[in-house]
Amino acid sequence: MTDDLPTLPAIEATARRIAAFVRETPAWAWRDELLSRLLAPDTEVVLKLELFQYAGSFKARGAISVMLELDPEARGRGVTAVSAGNHAIATAWAAAALGTTAKVVMPMTADPFRVARCRALGADVVLAGDVHAAFAQAQRIEREEGRTFVHPFEGPQTALGTATLGREFLTQAPDLDAVIVPVGGGGLAAGLATAIKLIHPECQVIGVEPEGNDVMYRSLRSGHPEKLPEGSARTIADSLSPPYTLPYSFELCRRALDDLVLVSDDALRESVALLFRCAKLAVEPAAAAATAALLGPLRQRLAGKRVGLIVCGTNIAPERFAEHLARGVELLKRRLDDGAAG
């Protein structure tokens, strides 16, 4: 494990290697009268707008990092992946960018909007009964067709890809006191937090998970990767809803995250509404998680600090977004009627 830890030279090399394929996404100082009413006094916010990345999320960085490491023969045989959305889309995009093919396996419950995006990018989409059946199907594809499996969050190349996001953010905003990052399987947090700690060790990096899928929270507290009971995950943030954690990404999160907090689905909806109202951003619930954490469990802890928020993706059907937005507007109004942040 220690031989595979990301180093700053390796992160720099990865950033150069993937530069021709990914966007440098904006870092934007979020200043707004309503936001100021909700935050503790003198708190400053910088949004890292990774929702503008190719394929609509940070996942493009890890997928292209993994696939660029394949030799020509392996790349020619194509890739496979398992995902309910963002990773499948990113794998389809990366395959198209590198001139190869992708066969992605998605659960039947996947948002049709995301399935359609994968197909529009040229991927062959296979639907499976659930996430467990999807992984079994991907293993068969890997075995029978010789495709390389691109894991949604585990492995050194994935972490190096997401580490480039942390490096890029600190280049744009070097004076951050803290960064809040959404956590699902941990692939984003693992790389990003490692890069930030290597470059700016004094900067806090705090993860945030939905209450309805707290598998990394459980893992960090038990000291080893955990698996949720089948069918127990219940959250609108489906991008933050893996069934388990795995050793590599868990270990990086254990080493580099200063803490991890939980937020409710209603807090996610409220932050979806706030980002739309005050920043004109249409985000999926997972991308509102960092905002929800700053407005909720981290409000007083990070009072008066300069805080970076990772806005990680925007792959959501318009009608689903409208549902979350409508409910979020109600919740935001209730908070303001009750005296803003209290």
Foldseek 3Di string as FASTA:
>chain_A
DVVLADDPVLLVVLCVVCVVPKDLFDWAWFDDPQVCQLFFPQETEIERPQCPMPLRFLLLLLLLLVLVPDDPVQLQLAAEEEDLASNLSSNLQNNLVVVHAYEYEHEPPRDVLRVVSSVVSPYRYHYDPDRVRRVVVRVCCCVVSVHHYRYSADDSSLLSSLLNSLVSVCVNVVAFQEEEAEAALQRNVLNNLSNCCNVPVRRAYEYEYAPQACQLVVCLVVVHKDFADPPSRDAQPRVRHDRIHDDHSSVSCNPRHPYYYYDYNLLLLLQCQVCCVRVVDRARSSLSRQVSCCSPVCRVVQRSGHYYYYRGGHSDDPVVSVVSNVSNVVVQVVCVVVRRSD
